[in-house]
Amino acid sequence: MFATTFGISDSGFTLKVDPNLGKATQMWLHNQKCIFQTLPLETYTLFEIASAPNGVIQRLSSNFLSSANDNDEIQQKANSLRDCIEKSCWKSILEETSQWSNDLKKRVWLKLSASEKKTIHQIAKIQKFSDTLSALTLSDIKKVISILKEVEILSKSVKVTKNSKQEDLVNMLKELITTHEKFLKAALTLVLGDCE
């Protein structure tokens, strides 16, 4: 009997099962609301899974993904990535994962908890805002600050003078990302839209 194997491909995931289990597996994947193609081959049935609920992927990967040595490496990479998450540093995450293949990234991603994944998304979002803010001219930063003062996100006592350092102003705005993201996004849209 063919041993069931689960893998990660560039287009999603692959599941190989014994031909005798093909129909049952097809029904199970359908019931789990997976999007897949079935390819009955001579020695096994191949399922190319384009999309599946996270619980299904975790179940298949924990039961049928690669060898023990591979799993040790994946766990080690996941732990390294967790260290980067604790630092809340996008640069560390990029440095850690820069040499990883897409396959490795997907496999490590499956090892992370929902909260760890959410934290990575949040760190990436903060970095994107940071890059946008850092690219603004001093004049545009002043406009953003004025808008945020008008909607009372920033205190009226916040003063921007000719001696104000652009880096300090950017850092002040960065602190608003986690608490006032929508207002900051709206102010940036107004200012950047004004420039075009």
N, C-alpha and C. Protein backbone atom coordinates (compact mmCIF):
# COMPACT_ATOMS: atom_id res chain seq x y z
N MET A 1 0.84 -1.18 0.00
CA MET A 1 0.00 0.00 0.00
C MET A 1 0.89 1.25 0.00
N PHE A 2 0.51 2.25 -0.80
CA PHE A 2 1.25 3.50 -0.91
C PHE A 2 1.08 4.33 0.36
N ALA A 3 2.20 4.85 0.91
CA ALA A 3 2.14 5.66 2.13
C ALA A 3 1.72 7.09 1.77
N THR A 4 0.74 7.60 2.47
CA THR A 4 0.24 8.95 2.23
C THR A 4 1.34 9.97 2.54
N THR A 5 1.53 10.92 1.61
CA THR A 5 2.49 11.99 1.84
C THR A 5 1.84 13.33 1.52
N PHE A 6 2.24 14.34 2.27
CA PHE A 6 1.73 15.69 2.10
C PHE A 6 2.92 16.60 1.84
N GLY A 7 2.82 17.49 0.88
CA GLY A 7 3.92 18.39 0.56
C GLY A 7 3.44 19.78 0.22
N ILE A 8 4.38 20.67 0.08
CA ILE A 8 4.09 22.06 -0.25
C ILE A 8 4.69 22.35 -1.61
N SER A 9 3.90 22.95 -2.49
CA SER A 9 4.38 23.29 -3.82
C SER A 9 4.23 24.79 -4.03
N ASP A 10 4.75 25.28 -5.15
CA ASP A 10 4.64 26.72 -5.45
C ASP A 10 3.19 27.16 -5.61
N SER A 11 2.34 26.26 -6.07
CA SER A 11 0.94 26.63 -6.31
C SER A 11 0.02 26.26 -5.14
N GLY A 12 0.56 25.71 -4.08
CA GLY A 12 -0.27 25.33 -2.93
C GLY A 12 0.31 24.13 -2.20
N PHE A 13 -0.46 23.04 -2.20
CA PHE A 13 -0.06 21.84 -1.47
C PHE A 13 -0.35 20.61 -2.33
N THR A 14 0.37 19.53 -2.03
CA THR A 14 0.11 18.26 -2.72
C THR A 14 -0.14 17.18 -1.69
N LEU A 15 -1.06 16.30 -2.02
CA LEU A 15 -1.37 15.16 -1.17
C LEU A 15 -1.38 13.93 -2.07
N LYS A 16 -0.54 12.95 -1.71
CA LYS A 16 -0.48 11.72 -2.49
C LYS A 16 -1.02 10.59 -1.62
N VAL A 17 -1.98 9.85 -2.15
CA VAL A 17 -2.59 8.75 -1.39
C VAL A 17 -2.63 7.49 -2.25
N ASP A 18 -2.79 6.37 -1.60
CA ASP A 18 -2.97 5.09 -2.28
C ASP A 18 -4.19 5.20 -3.20
N PRO A 19 -4.14 4.62 -4.41
CA PRO A 19 -5.27 4.70 -5.33
C PRO A 19 -6.59 4.21 -4.71
N ASN A 20 -6.50 3.24 -3.79
CA ASN A 20 -7.71 2.72 -3.13
C ASN A 20 -8.37 3.76 -2.21
N LEU A 21 -7.60 4.76 -1.80
CA LEU A 21 -8.13 5.81 -0.91
C LEU A 21 -8.52 7.07 -1.68
N GLY A 22 -8.34 7.05 -2.99
CA GLY A 22 -8.58 8.23 -3.81
C GLY A 22 -9.97 8.82 -3.68
N LYS A 23 -10.99 7.99 -3.84
CA LYS A 23 -12.39 8.47 -3.79
C LYS A 23 -12.73 9.02 -2.40
N ALA A 24 -12.34 8.28 -1.36
CA ALA A 24 -12.64 8.72 0.01
C ALA A 24 -11.93 10.04 0.33
N THR A 25 -10.68 10.14 -0.11
CA THR A 25 -9.92 11.37 0.13
C THR A 25 -10.54 12.54 -0.63
N GLN A 26 -10.96 12.28 -1.85
CA GLN A 26 -11.60 13.31 -2.66
C GLN A 26 -12.86 13.83 -1.96
N MET A 27 -13.67 12.94 -1.44
CA MET A 27 -14.89 13.33 -0.74
C MET A 27 -14.55 14.12 0.53
N TRP A 28 -13.54 13.66 1.25
CA TRP A 28 -13.15 14.34 2.49
C TRP A 28 -12.67 15.77 2.19
N LEU A 29 -11.82 15.93 1.17
CA LEU A 29 -11.33 17.26 0.80
C LEU A 29 -12.49 18.17 0.37
N HIS A 30 -13.42 17.59 -0.38
CA HIS A 30 -14.60 18.36 -0.80
C HIS A 30 -15.42 18.81 0.41
N ASN A 31 -15.65 17.90 1.35
CA ASN A 31 -16.42 18.23 2.56
C ASN A 31 -15.72 19.27 3.43
N GLN A 32 -14.38 19.32 3.34
CA GLN A 32 -13.62 20.29 4.12
C GLN A 32 -13.54 21.65 3.42
N LYS A 33 -14.21 21.75 2.27
CA LYS A 33 -14.25 23.00 1.48
C LYS A 33 -12.89 23.39 0.91
N CYS A 34 -12.14 22.37 0.48
CA CYS A 34 -10.85 22.60 -0.16
C CYS A 34 -11.07 22.81 -1.66
N ILE A 35 -10.19 23.58 -2.25
CA ILE A 35 -10.20 23.74 -3.71
C ILE A 35 -9.00 22.92 -4.21
N PHE A 36 -9.29 21.93 -5.06
CA PHE A 36 -8.23 21.00 -5.45
C PHE A 36 -8.51 20.38 -6.81
N GLN A 37 -7.48 19.75 -7.36
CA GLN A 37 -7.60 18.94 -8.57
C GLN A 37 -7.14 17.54 -8.25
N THR A 38 -7.77 16.57 -8.86
CA THR A 38 -7.42 15.17 -8.63
C THR A 38 -6.74 14.62 -9.88
N LEU A 39 -5.59 13.97 -9.68
CA LEU A 39 -4.88 13.34 -10.79
C LEU A 39 -4.64 11.87 -10.45
N PRO A 40 -5.48 10.97 -10.94
CA PRO A 40 -5.26 9.55 -10.66
C PRO A 40 -4.07 9.04 -11.48
N LEU A 41 -3.03 8.61 -10.80
CA LEU A 41 -1.85 8.08 -11.46
C LEU A 41 -1.78 6.57 -11.21
N GLU A 42 -0.79 5.93 -11.79
CA GLU A 42 -0.72 4.47 -11.70
C GLU A 42 -0.50 3.96 -10.27
N THR A 43 0.47 4.54 -9.57
CA THR A 43 0.81 4.01 -8.24
C THR A 43 0.20 4.80 -7.09
N TYR A 44 -0.35 5.98 -7.36
CA TYR A 44 -0.99 6.77 -6.31
C TYR A 44 -1.95 7.77 -6.94
N THR A 45 -2.79 8.37 -6.12
CA THR A 45 -3.66 9.45 -6.57
C THR A 45 -3.10 10.75 -6.01
N LEU A 46 -2.91 11.72 -6.89
CA LEU A 46 -2.34 13.00 -6.51
C LEU A 46 -3.45 14.05 -6.41
N PHE A 47 -3.46 14.76 -5.30
CA PHE A 47 -4.38 15.89 -5.12
C PHE A 47 -3.54 17.15 -5.06
N GLU A 48 -3.78 18.06 -5.98
CA GLU A 48 -3.14 19.37 -5.95
C GLU A 48 -4.12 20.33 -5.30
N ILE A 49 -3.79 20.74 -4.09
CA ILE A 49 -4.70 21.56 -3.29
C ILE A 49 -4.30 23.03 -3.43
N ALA A 50 -5.18 23.82 -4.03
CA ALA A 50 -4.90 25.25 -4.23
C ALA A 50 -5.27 26.06 -3.00
N SER A 51 -6.31 25.61 -2.29
CA SER A 51 -6.78 26.36 -1.12
C SER A 51 -7.48 25.41 -0.17
N ALA A 52 -7.24 25.63 1.13
CA ALA A 52 -7.87 24.79 2.15
C ALA A 52 -7.90 25.55 3.47
N PRO A 53 -8.89 25.28 4.31
CA PRO A 53 -8.89 25.91 5.63
C PRO A 53 -7.62 25.57 6.39
N ASN A 54 -7.16 26.51 7.21
CA ASN A 54 -5.89 26.34 7.93
C ASN A 54 -5.87 25.06 8.77
N GLY A 55 -6.99 24.72 9.39
CA GLY A 55 -7.05 23.52 10.22
C GLY A 55 -6.78 22.25 9.41
N VAL A 56 -7.27 22.22 8.18
CA VAL A 56 -7.05 21.06 7.30
C VAL A 56 -5.56 20.94 6.97
N ILE A 57 -4.95 22.07 6.61
CA ILE A 57 -3.53 22.06 6.26
C ILE A 57 -2.69 21.64 7.46
N GLN A 58 -3.01 22.15 8.64
CA GLN A 58 -2.26 21.78 9.84
C GLN A 58 -2.42 20.29 10.13
N ARG A 59 -3.62 19.78 9.97
CA ARG A 59 -3.86 18.35 10.23
C ARG A 59 -3.07 17.48 9.25
N LEU A 60 -3.13 17.83 7.96
CA LEU A 60 -2.38 17.05 6.97
C LEU A 60 -0.88 17.16 7.19
N SER A 61 -0.40 18.37 7.49
CA SER A 61 1.05 18.53 7.67
C SER A 61 1.55 17.81 8.91
N SER A 62 0.76 17.84 9.98
CA SER A 62 1.24 17.17 11.20
C SER A 62 1.21 15.64 11.04
N ASN A 63 0.31 15.13 10.21
CA ASN A 63 0.21 13.68 10.03
C ASN A 63 1.09 13.12 8.91
N PHE A 64 1.31 13.92 7.85
CA PHE A 64 1.92 13.32 6.66
C PHE A 64 3.08 14.11 6.06
N LEU A 65 3.57 15.15 6.73
CA LEU A 65 4.61 15.98 6.13
C LEU A 65 6.00 15.45 6.44
N SER A 66 6.74 15.13 5.42
CA SER A 66 8.17 14.80 5.41
C SER A 66 8.71 13.97 6.56
N SER A 67 10.03 13.92 6.63
CA SER A 67 10.71 13.07 7.60
C SER A 67 10.94 13.79 8.92
N ALA A 68 11.37 13.04 9.92
CA ALA A 68 11.63 13.61 11.25
C ALA A 68 12.73 14.66 11.19
N ASN A 69 13.80 14.40 10.41
CA ASN A 69 14.89 15.37 10.30
C ASN A 69 14.40 16.69 9.71
N ASP A 70 13.55 16.58 8.67
CA ASP A 70 12.97 17.78 8.08
C ASP A 70 12.13 18.53 9.10
N ASN A 71 11.34 17.79 9.87
CA ASN A 71 10.50 18.43 10.88
C ASN A 71 11.34 19.13 11.95
N ASP A 72 12.49 18.54 12.32
CA ASP A 72 13.38 19.17 13.28
C ASP A 72 13.91 20.49 12.73
N GLU A 73 14.29 20.49 11.45
CA GLU A 73 14.79 21.71 10.82
C GLU A 73 13.70 22.78 10.77
N ILE A 74 12.49 22.37 10.41
CA ILE A 74 11.37 23.31 10.32
C ILE A 74 11.10 23.90 11.71
N GLN A 75 11.11 23.05 12.72
CA GLN A 75 10.87 23.53 14.09
C GLN A 75 11.96 24.50 14.52
N GLN A 76 13.19 24.21 14.17
CA GLN A 76 14.32 25.09 14.51
C GLN A 76 14.16 26.44 13.82
N LYS A 77 13.78 26.43 12.54
CA LYS A 77 13.56 27.69 11.80
C LYS A 77 12.39 28.46 12.41
N ALA A 78 11.34 27.75 12.80
CA ALA A 78 10.18 28.40 13.42
C ALA A 78 10.59 29.07 14.73
N ASN A 79 11.44 28.41 15.51
CA ASN A 79 11.91 28.99 16.76
C ASN A 79 12.76 30.23 16.52
N SER A 80 13.60 30.20 15.47
CA SER A 80 14.40 31.37 15.12
C SER A 80 13.49 32.54 14.73
N LEU A 81 12.45 32.22 13.97
CA LEU A 81 11.50 33.26 13.56
C LEU A 81 10.75 33.82 14.77
N ARG A 82 10.45 32.96 15.73
CA ARG A 82 9.78 33.42 16.97
C ARG A 82 10.67 34.41 17.73
N ASP A 83 11.99 34.19 17.72
CA ASP A 83 12.92 35.13 18.35
C ASP A 83 12.82 36.50 17.69
N CYS A 84 12.71 36.50 16.36
CA CYS A 84 12.57 37.77 15.62
C CYS A 84 11.24 38.44 15.95
N ILE A 85 10.20 37.64 16.10
CA ILE A 85 8.87 38.19 16.43
C ILE A 85 8.93 38.87 17.80
N GLU A 86 9.63 38.25 18.74
CA GLU A 86 9.76 38.84 20.09
C GLU A 86 10.45 40.19 20.04
N LYS A 87 11.39 40.37 19.12
CA LYS A 87 12.09 41.64 18.98
C LYS A 87 11.22 42.69 18.29
N SER A 88 10.12 42.24 17.67
CA SER A 88 9.23 43.13 16.90
C SER A 88 10.01 43.92 15.85
N CYS A 89 10.94 43.24 15.19
CA CYS A 89 11.81 43.93 14.24
C CYS A 89 11.66 43.29 12.85
N TRP A 90 11.12 44.08 11.92
CA TRP A 90 10.93 43.59 10.55
C TRP A 90 12.27 43.26 9.89
N LYS A 91 13.28 44.06 10.19
CA LYS A 91 14.61 43.81 9.61
C LYS A 91 15.13 42.43 10.03
N SER A 92 14.93 42.07 11.29
CA SER A 92 15.37 40.74 11.77
C SER A 92 14.61 39.63 11.05
N ILE A 93 13.31 39.84 10.85
CA ILE A 93 12.50 38.82 10.16
C ILE A 93 13.00 38.66 8.73
N LEU A 94 13.25 39.76 8.05
CA LEU A 94 13.75 39.69 6.67
C LEU A 94 15.12 39.01 6.61
N GLU A 95 16.01 39.36 7.54
CA GLU A 95 17.34 38.75 7.55
C GLU A 95 17.24 37.25 7.81
N GLU A 96 16.36 36.87 8.73
CA GLU A 96 16.20 35.44 9.06
C GLU A 96 15.67 34.65 7.87
N THR A 97 14.72 35.22 7.16
CA THR A 97 14.02 34.45 6.11
C THR A 97 14.55 34.69 4.70
N SER A 98 15.52 35.58 4.55
CA SER A 98 15.96 35.97 3.20
C SER A 98 16.52 34.80 2.38
N GLN A 99 17.12 33.84 3.02
CA GLN A 99 17.70 32.71 2.29
C GLN A 99 16.76 31.50 2.22
N TRP A 100 15.57 31.63 2.78
CA TRP A 100 14.64 30.50 2.79
C TRP A 100 13.93 30.39 1.44
N SER A 101 13.72 29.16 1.00
CA SER A 101 12.92 28.94 -0.21
C SER A 101 11.45 29.19 0.12
N ASN A 102 10.63 29.35 -0.91
CA ASN A 102 9.19 29.52 -0.69
C ASN A 102 8.61 28.32 0.02
N ASP A 103 9.09 27.14 -0.33
CA ASP A 103 8.64 25.90 0.29
C ASP A 103 8.92 25.93 1.80
N LEU A 104 10.13 26.31 2.15
CA LEU A 104 10.52 26.37 3.56
C LEU A 104 9.68 27.41 4.31
N LYS A 105 9.46 28.57 3.69
CA LYS A 105 8.64 29.61 4.32
C LYS A 105 7.23 29.10 4.62
N LYS A 106 6.65 28.39 3.65
CA LYS A 106 5.30 27.85 3.86
C LYS A 106 5.27 26.83 4.98
N ARG A 107 6.29 25.99 5.04
CA ARG A 107 6.33 24.94 6.06
C ARG A 107 6.53 25.53 7.45
N VAL A 108 7.37 26.56 7.55
CA VAL A 108 7.58 27.22 8.85
C VAL A 108 6.29 27.95 9.24
N TRP A 109 5.64 28.60 8.29
CA TRP A 109 4.39 29.33 8.56
C TRP A 109 3.35 28.41 9.21
N LEU A 110 3.31 27.17 8.76
CA LEU A 110 2.34 26.21 9.32
C LEU A 110 2.63 25.90 10.79
N LYS A 111 3.87 26.08 11.20
CA LYS A 111 4.26 25.80 12.59
C LYS A 111 3.89 26.93 13.55
N LEU A 112 3.63 28.12 13.01
CA LEU A 112 3.36 29.28 13.85
C LEU A 112 1.90 29.30 14.32
N SER A 113 1.70 29.85 15.49
CA SER A 113 0.34 29.98 16.01
C SER A 113 -0.36 31.14 15.32
N ALA A 114 -1.67 31.21 15.47
CA ALA A 114 -2.45 32.30 14.86
C ALA A 114 -1.98 33.66 15.39
N SER A 115 -1.67 33.73 16.68
CA SER A 115 -1.23 35.02 17.25
C SER A 115 0.15 35.41 16.73
N GLU A 116 1.04 34.42 16.50
CA GLU A 116 2.35 34.73 15.94
C GLU A 116 2.23 35.25 14.51
N LYS A 117 1.33 34.63 13.74
CA LYS A 117 1.10 35.09 12.37
C LYS A 117 0.54 36.51 12.38
N LYS A 118 -0.38 36.77 13.28
CA LYS A 118 -0.98 38.10 13.39
C LYS A 118 0.09 39.14 13.75
N THR A 119 0.99 38.77 14.66
CA THR A 119 2.06 39.68 15.06
C THR A 119 2.98 40.00 13.89
N ILE A 120 3.30 39.00 13.07
CA ILE A 120 4.15 39.24 11.89
C ILE A 120 3.45 40.21 10.94
N HIS A 121 2.16 40.01 10.72
CA HIS A 121 1.41 40.92 9.85
C HIS A 121 1.43 42.35 10.41
N GLN A 122 1.31 42.47 11.73
CA GLN A 122 1.32 43.78 12.38
C GLN A 122 2.69 44.45 12.25
N ILE A 123 3.76 43.67 12.45
CA ILE A 123 5.12 44.21 12.31
C ILE A 123 5.35 44.69 10.87
N ALA A 124 4.86 43.92 9.90
CA ALA A 124 5.01 44.30 8.48
C ALA A 124 4.25 45.59 8.19
N LYS A 125 3.05 45.70 8.75
CA LYS A 125 2.23 46.89 8.54
C LYS A 125 2.91 48.13 9.14
N ILE A 126 3.46 47.98 10.33
CA ILE A 126 4.16 49.09 10.97
C ILE A 126 5.37 49.50 10.13
N GLN A 127 6.09 48.52 9.60
CA GLN A 127 7.26 48.83 8.76
C GLN A 127 6.84 49.59 7.51
N LYS A 128 5.72 49.17 6.90
CA LYS A 128 5.24 49.85 5.70
C LYS A 128 4.91 51.31 6.00
N PHE A 129 4.20 51.54 7.12
CA PHE A 129 3.89 52.91 7.53
C PHE A 129 5.18 53.69 7.79
N SER A 130 6.12 53.03 8.46
CA SER A 130 7.40 53.67 8.78
C SER A 130 8.11 54.13 7.52
N ASP A 131 8.15 53.25 6.52
CA ASP A 131 8.80 53.59 5.26
C ASP A 131 8.10 54.76 4.58
N THR A 132 6.76 54.74 4.61
CA THR A 132 5.99 55.83 4.00
C THR A 132 6.26 57.15 4.71
N LEU A 133 6.24 57.11 6.05
CA LEU A 133 6.48 58.33 6.82
C LEU A 133 7.89 58.85 6.60
N SER A 134 8.87 57.96 6.56
CA SER A 134 10.27 58.38 6.39
C SER A 134 10.52 59.00 5.02
N ALA A 135 9.70 58.63 4.03
CA ALA A 135 9.88 59.15 2.68
C ALA A 135 9.22 60.52 2.49
N LEU A 136 8.43 60.96 3.46
CA LEU A 136 7.76 62.26 3.34
C LEU A 136 8.75 63.41 3.47
N THR A 137 8.42 64.51 2.84
CA THR A 137 9.21 65.73 3.02
C THR A 137 8.79 66.35 4.36
N LEU A 138 9.58 67.26 4.86
CA LEU A 138 9.25 67.94 6.11
C LEU A 138 7.92 68.69 5.98
N SER A 139 7.70 69.28 4.82
CA SER A 139 6.45 70.00 4.56
C SER A 139 5.24 69.06 4.66
N ASP A 140 5.36 67.85 4.07
CA ASP A 140 4.26 66.88 4.13
C ASP A 140 4.04 66.37 5.55
N ILE A 141 5.12 66.18 6.29
CA ILE A 141 5.00 65.74 7.69
C ILE A 141 4.22 66.78 8.49
N LYS A 142 4.52 68.06 8.25
CA LYS A 142 3.80 69.13 8.93
C LYS A 142 2.31 69.08 8.60
N LYS A 143 1.98 68.80 7.33
CA LYS A 143 0.57 68.70 6.92
C LYS A 143 -0.12 67.55 7.65
N VAL A 144 0.56 66.40 7.72
CA VAL A 144 -0.01 65.24 8.42
C VAL A 144 -0.27 65.60 9.89
N ILE A 145 0.69 66.25 10.52
CA ILE A 145 0.55 66.65 11.92
C ILE A 145 -0.61 67.62 12.09
N SER A 146 -0.76 68.57 11.16
CA SER A 146 -1.88 69.52 11.23
C SER A 146 -3.22 68.80 11.15
N ILE A 147 -3.33 67.84 10.24
CA ILE A 147 -4.58 67.09 10.10
C ILE A 147 -4.88 66.32 11.38
N LEU A 148 -3.86 65.69 11.94
CA LEU A 148 -4.07 64.89 13.16
C LEU A 148 -4.40 65.79 14.36
N LYS A 149 -3.93 67.01 14.36
CA LYS A 149 -4.29 67.96 15.43
C LYS A 149 -5.75 68.39 15.27
N GLU A 150 -6.19 68.58 14.03
CA GLU A 150 -7.58 68.99 13.77
C GLU A 150 -8.59 67.95 14.26
N VAL A 151 -8.24 66.67 14.11
CA VAL A 151 -9.17 65.61 14.56
C VAL A 151 -8.84 65.15 15.97
N GLU A 152 -7.99 65.92 16.65
CA GLU A 152 -7.66 65.71 18.06
C GLU A 152 -6.97 64.39 18.37
N ILE A 153 -6.23 63.87 17.38
CA ILE A 153 -5.38 62.70 17.63
C ILE A 153 -4.10 63.19 18.29
N LEU A 154 -3.61 64.31 17.82
CA LEU A 154 -2.46 64.96 18.45
C LEU A 154 -2.95 66.19 19.20
N SER A 155 -2.32 66.45 20.28
CA SER A 155 -2.67 67.62 21.09
C SER A 155 -2.35 68.91 20.35
N LYS A 156 -3.18 69.93 20.58
CA LYS A 156 -2.94 71.25 19.97
C LYS A 156 -1.60 71.84 20.43
N SER A 157 -1.11 71.33 21.55
CA SER A 157 0.16 71.84 22.08
C SER A 157 1.38 71.32 21.32
N VAL A 158 1.19 70.33 20.46
CA VAL A 158 2.30 69.81 19.65
C VAL A 158 2.69 70.90 18.65
N LYS A 159 3.91 71.35 18.75
CA LYS A 159 4.39 72.44 17.88
C LYS A 159 5.48 71.93 16.94
N VAL A 160 5.38 72.37 15.70
CA VAL A 160 6.41 72.07 14.73
C VAL A 160 7.08 73.40 14.40
N THR A 161 8.35 73.49 14.73
CA THR A 161 9.08 74.73 14.47
C THR A 161 10.15 74.48 13.41
N LYS A 162 10.82 75.54 13.02
CA LYS A 162 11.89 75.37 12.03
C LYS A 162 13.06 74.57 12.59
N ASN A 163 13.12 74.46 13.93
CA ASN A 163 14.17 73.67 14.56
C ASN A 163 13.78 72.21 14.76
N SER A 164 12.52 71.88 14.46
CA SER A 164 12.06 70.49 14.63
C SER A 164 12.82 69.58 13.67
N LYS A 165 13.24 68.46 14.20
CA LYS A 165 13.97 67.50 13.37
C LYS A 165 12.97 66.55 12.72
N GLN A 166 13.18 66.31 11.44
CA GLN A 166 12.28 65.44 10.68
C GLN A 166 12.22 64.05 11.31
N GLU A 167 13.36 63.52 11.72
CA GLU A 167 13.41 62.18 12.32
C GLU A 167 12.56 62.11 13.59
N ASP A 168 12.60 63.17 14.42
CA ASP A 168 11.80 63.19 15.65
C ASP A 168 10.31 63.22 15.34
N LEU A 169 9.94 63.99 14.31
CA LEU A 169 8.53 64.08 13.92
C LEU A 169 8.03 62.75 13.38
N VAL A 170 8.86 62.11 12.56
CA VAL A 170 8.50 60.79 12.02
C VAL A 170 8.33 59.79 13.17
N ASN A 171 9.25 59.80 14.13
CA ASN A 171 9.14 58.88 15.27
C ASN A 171 7.87 59.13 16.08
N MET A 172 7.49 60.40 16.23
CA MET A 172 6.26 60.72 16.95
C MET A 172 5.06 60.14 16.21
N LEU A 173 5.05 60.26 14.89
CA LEU A 173 3.94 59.73 14.09
C LEU A 173 3.92 58.20 14.11
N LYS A 174 5.10 57.59 14.11
CA LYS A 174 5.17 56.12 14.15
C LYS A 174 4.49 55.56 15.39
N GLU A 175 4.58 56.30 16.48
CA GLU A 175 3.96 55.83 17.73
C GLU A 175 2.44 55.76 17.62
N LEU A 176 1.86 56.45 16.66
CA LEU A 176 0.41 56.46 16.48
C LEU A 176 -0.10 55.27 15.66
N ILE A 177 0.83 54.56 15.03
CA ILE A 177 0.44 53.48 14.11
C ILE A 177 -0.44 52.44 14.80
N THR A 178 -0.05 51.99 15.97
CA THR A 178 -0.82 50.91 16.62
C THR A 178 -2.13 51.39 17.22
N THR A 179 -2.21 52.66 17.62
CA THR A 179 -3.43 53.14 18.29
C THR A 179 -4.37 53.92 17.38
N HIS A 180 -3.84 54.57 16.36
CA HIS A 180 -4.66 55.43 15.51
C HIS A 180 -4.38 55.18 14.03
N GLU A 181 -4.28 53.92 13.66
CA GLU A 181 -3.92 53.55 12.29
C GLU A 181 -4.83 54.18 11.25
N LYS A 182 -6.16 54.11 11.48
CA LYS A 182 -7.11 54.61 10.47
C LYS A 182 -6.94 56.11 10.25
N PHE A 183 -6.76 56.86 11.33
CA PHE A 183 -6.59 58.30 11.20
C PHE A 183 -5.27 58.64 10.51
N LEU A 184 -4.23 57.91 10.85
CA LEU A 184 -2.94 58.15 10.23
C LEU A 184 -3.00 57.83 8.74
N LYS A 185 -3.65 56.73 8.41
CA LYS A 185 -3.82 56.32 7.02
C LYS A 185 -4.58 57.40 6.24
N ALA A 186 -5.66 57.90 6.85
CA ALA A 186 -6.47 58.94 6.20
C ALA A 186 -5.66 60.22 5.99
N ALA A 187 -4.90 60.61 7.01
CA ALA A 187 -4.07 61.82 6.89
C ALA A 187 -3.02 61.66 5.80
N LEU A 188 -2.39 60.50 5.74
CA LEU A 188 -1.39 60.25 4.70
C LEU A 188 -2.03 60.28 3.31
N THR A 189 -3.21 59.70 3.20
CA THR A 189 -3.92 59.69 1.92
C THR A 189 -4.22 61.12 1.48
N LEU A 190 -4.69 61.95 2.39
CA LEU A 190 -4.97 63.35 2.06
C LEU A 190 -3.72 64.08 1.61
N VAL A 191 -2.65 63.90 2.36
CA VAL A 191 -1.41 64.64 2.05
C VAL A 191 -0.77 64.11 0.76
N LEU A 192 -0.69 62.80 0.63
CA LEU A 192 -0.06 62.24 -0.57
C LEU A 192 -0.93 62.48 -1.81
N GLY A 193 -2.25 62.47 -1.64
CA GLY A 193 -3.16 62.76 -2.74
C GLY A 193 -3.03 64.20 -3.19
N ASP A 194 -2.70 65.07 -2.26
CA ASP A 194 -2.52 66.50 -2.53
C ASP A 194 -1.29 66.74 -3.40
N CYS A 195 -0.30 65.82 -3.24
CA CYS A 195 0.99 66.00 -3.93
C CYS A 195 0.90 65.58 -5.40
N GLU A 196 -0.06 64.73 -5.71
CA GLU A 196 -0.09 64.16 -7.06
C GLU A 196 -0.82 65.05 -8.04
